[in-house]
């Protein structure tokens, strides 16, 4: 059974994919009412599932007419894809961000389910048991190497 965070994420991703601009503007309070949850639950989903590492930009404006805009960062499938992904990864990446990026590549059908499972296993905290600061830098290097290998023509 899906939890509330999964349901909110699925709903937002559906709205974004149905949009020609690959973006959506929503009000946090309306979303909270729709899912019968507190607004902080919406914040949690936005923070953990719609970060830059996951391939999204989230803009927020507070106040009476406030909104949240979620924009899907386009991945150019023809040229510069590896460079774009390397820039998203940066010099270090958390396990959660790495898994989000891998899932985005899977959603875009740029990698197979098997490749995604291998990548997730390679960047997991269990695999990378080094000290915390170097672990995230090592994770970024490994993920860049795998993405480059898989997406190379």
Protein backbone atom coordinates (compact mmCIF):
# COMPACT_ATOMS: atom_id res chain seq x y z
CA UNK A 1 0.00 0.00 0.00
CA UNK A 2 1.30 3.45 -0.90
CA UNK A 3 1.88 6.01 1.78
CA UNK A 4 0.67 9.60 1.55
CA UNK A 5 4.03 10.86 0.29
CA UNK A 6 3.97 8.38 -2.60
CA UNK A 7 0.42 9.43 -3.50
CA UNK A 8 1.30 13.13 -3.47
CA UNK A 9 4.42 12.48 -5.54
CA UNK A 10 2.48 10.45 -8.11
CA UNK A 11 -0.24 13.08 -8.34
CA UNK A 12 2.28 15.89 -8.91
CA UNK A 13 4.27 13.90 -11.46
CA UNK A 14 1.06 13.15 -13.36
CA UNK A 15 0.15 16.85 -13.40
CA UNK A 16 3.62 17.74 -14.65
CA UNK A 17 3.67 15.08 -17.36
CA UNK A 18 0.21 16.18 -18.57
CA UNK A 19 1.44 19.78 -18.87
CA UNK A 20 2.90 20.86 -22.23
CA UNK A 21 5.40 23.05 -20.34
CA UNK A 22 6.36 20.16 -18.03
CA UNK A 23 5.55 22.35 -15.04
CA UNK A 24 2.71 22.87 -12.61
CA UNK A 25 1.60 25.63 -10.27
CA UNK A 26 -0.25 24.55 -7.16
CA UNK A 27 -1.22 25.95 -3.79
CA UNK A 28 0.17 24.07 -0.83
CA UNK A 29 -3.07 24.46 1.14
CA UNK A 30 -5.22 23.11 -1.70
CA UNK A 31 -2.92 20.12 -2.05
CA UNK A 32 -3.05 19.51 1.71
CA UNK A 33 -6.87 19.56 1.61
CA UNK A 34 -6.94 17.20 -1.40
CA UNK A 35 -4.81 14.63 0.45
CA UNK A 36 -6.15 15.35 3.95
CA UNK A 37 -2.72 16.11 5.33
CA UNK A 38 -0.86 18.99 6.91
CA UNK A 39 1.03 21.46 4.69
CA UNK A 40 4.33 20.30 6.20
CA UNK A 41 3.70 16.91 4.53
CA UNK A 42 3.58 18.71 1.19
CA UNK A 43 6.87 20.46 2.08
CA UNK A 44 8.42 17.08 2.88
CA UNK A 45 7.42 15.63 -0.50
CA UNK A 46 8.68 18.70 -2.35
CA UNK A 47 12.00 18.66 -0.51
CA UNK A 48 12.69 14.94 -0.77
CA UNK A 49 11.19 14.04 -4.13
CA UNK A 50 11.36 17.17 -6.28
CA UNK A 51 14.90 18.44 -5.71
CA UNK A 52 17.35 19.48 -8.42
CA UNK A 53 19.03 16.11 -8.02
CA UNK A 54 15.72 14.47 -8.91
CA UNK A 55 15.46 16.69 -12.00
CA UNK A 56 13.08 19.40 -10.79
CA UNK A 57 13.16 23.05 -9.80
CA UNK A 58 10.71 24.11 -7.09
CA UNK A 59 9.83 27.78 -6.76
CA UNK A 60 7.69 29.06 -3.92
CA UNK A 61 5.86 32.30 -3.25
CA UNK A 62 4.28 32.83 0.15
CA UNK A 63 1.23 34.87 1.03
CA UNK A 64 -2.47 34.94 0.17
CA UNK A 65 -1.95 34.41 -3.56
CA UNK A 66 1.09 32.22 -2.97
CA UNK A 67 1.87 29.19 -5.03
CA UNK A 68 4.42 26.49 -5.61
CA UNK A 69 5.73 25.99 -9.12
CA UNK A 70 7.40 22.70 -9.97
CA UNK A 71 9.35 22.61 -13.22
CA UNK A 72 10.84 19.46 -14.67
CA UNK A 73 14.41 20.10 -15.84
CA UNK A 74 14.54 18.91 -19.44
CA UNK A 75 17.14 16.32 -20.31
CA UNK A 76 18.39 16.90 -23.86
CA UNK A 77 18.46 13.39 -25.27
CA UNK A 78 20.56 14.27 -28.31
CA UNK A 79 23.57 16.26 -27.23
CA UNK A 80 25.00 17.31 -23.95
CA UNK A 81 22.99 14.76 -21.98
CA UNK A 82 26.00 13.38 -20.17
CA UNK A 83 27.25 16.90 -19.43
CA UNK A 84 23.82 17.96 -18.14
CA UNK A 85 23.62 14.94 -15.85
CA UNK A 86 27.20 15.46 -14.64
CA UNK A 87 26.29 19.05 -13.75
CA UNK A 88 23.22 17.82 -11.85
CA UNK A 89 25.38 15.36 -9.91
CA UNK A 90 28.06 17.92 -9.09
CA UNK A 91 31.10 17.10 -6.94
CA UNK A 92 29.13 15.21 -4.31
CA UNK A 93 25.67 13.72 -4.08
CA UNK A 94 23.64 12.13 -1.31
CA UNK A 95 22.26 8.62 -1.64
CA UNK A 96 18.71 10.01 -1.79
CA UNK A 97 19.61 12.46 -4.57
CA UNK A 98 21.49 9.75 -6.50
CA UNK A 99 18.52 7.40 -6.30
CA UNK A 100 16.22 10.23 -7.41
CA UNK A 101 18.37 10.91 -10.45
CA UNK A 102 18.57 7.21 -11.30
CA UNK A 103 14.78 6.95 -11.03
CA UNK A 104 14.42 9.98 -13.33
CA UNK A 105 16.68 8.31 -15.92
CA UNK A 106 14.49 5.22 -15.63
CA UNK A 107 11.28 7.28 -16.01
CA UNK A 108 12.75 8.91 -19.13
CA UNK A 109 13.56 5.40 -20.45
CA UNK A 110 17.24 6.34 -20.74
CA UNK A 111 18.23 3.29 -18.68
CA UNK A 112 16.64 -0.09 -18.08
CA UNK A 113 15.31 -1.39 -14.78
CA UNK A 114 18.31 -3.70 -14.57
CA UNK A 115 20.74 -0.82 -15.07
CA UNK A 116 18.87 1.21 -12.45
CA UNK A 117 19.13 -1.61 -9.89
CA UNK A 118 22.86 -1.95 -10.56
CA UNK A 119 23.40 1.80 -10.20
CA UNK A 120 21.38 2.00 -6.99
CA UNK A 121 23.35 -0.91 -5.53
CA UNK A 122 26.65 0.74 -6.48
CA UNK A 123 25.84 4.09 -4.85
CA UNK A 124 24.12 2.77 -1.72
CA UNK A 125 25.41 3.58 1.74
CA UNK A 126 25.98 -0.11 2.36
CA UNK A 127 28.38 -0.30 -0.59
CA UNK A 128 30.13 2.99 0.15
CA UNK A 129 31.16 2.51 3.75
CA UNK A 130 33.87 5.23 3.75
CA UNK A 131 33.67 8.22 6.07
CA UNK A 132 30.70 10.46 5.40
CA UNK A 133 32.36 13.43 3.60
CA UNK A 134 34.32 11.28 1.15
CA UNK A 135 31.39 8.90 0.65
CA UNK A 136 29.26 11.53 -1.12
CA UNK A 137 32.17 12.62 -3.35
CA UNK A 138 32.91 8.98 -4.19
CA UNK A 139 29.21 8.39 -4.89
CA UNK A 140 29.21 11.33 -7.34
CA UNK A 141 32.27 9.97 -9.18
CA UNK A 142 30.80 6.47 -9.43
CA UNK A 143 27.41 7.74 -10.61
CA UNK A 144 29.01 9.98 -13.26
CA UNK A 145 31.09 7.05 -14.52
CA UNK A 146 28.06 4.75 -14.74
CA UNK A 147 25.85 7.33 -16.46
CA UNK A 148 28.61 8.12 -18.95
CA UNK A 149 29.09 4.42 -19.73
CA UNK A 150 25.40 3.63 -20.09
CA UNK A 151 24.45 6.68 -22.15
CA UNK A 152 27.47 6.67 -24.46
CA UNK A 153 26.45 5.89 -28.07
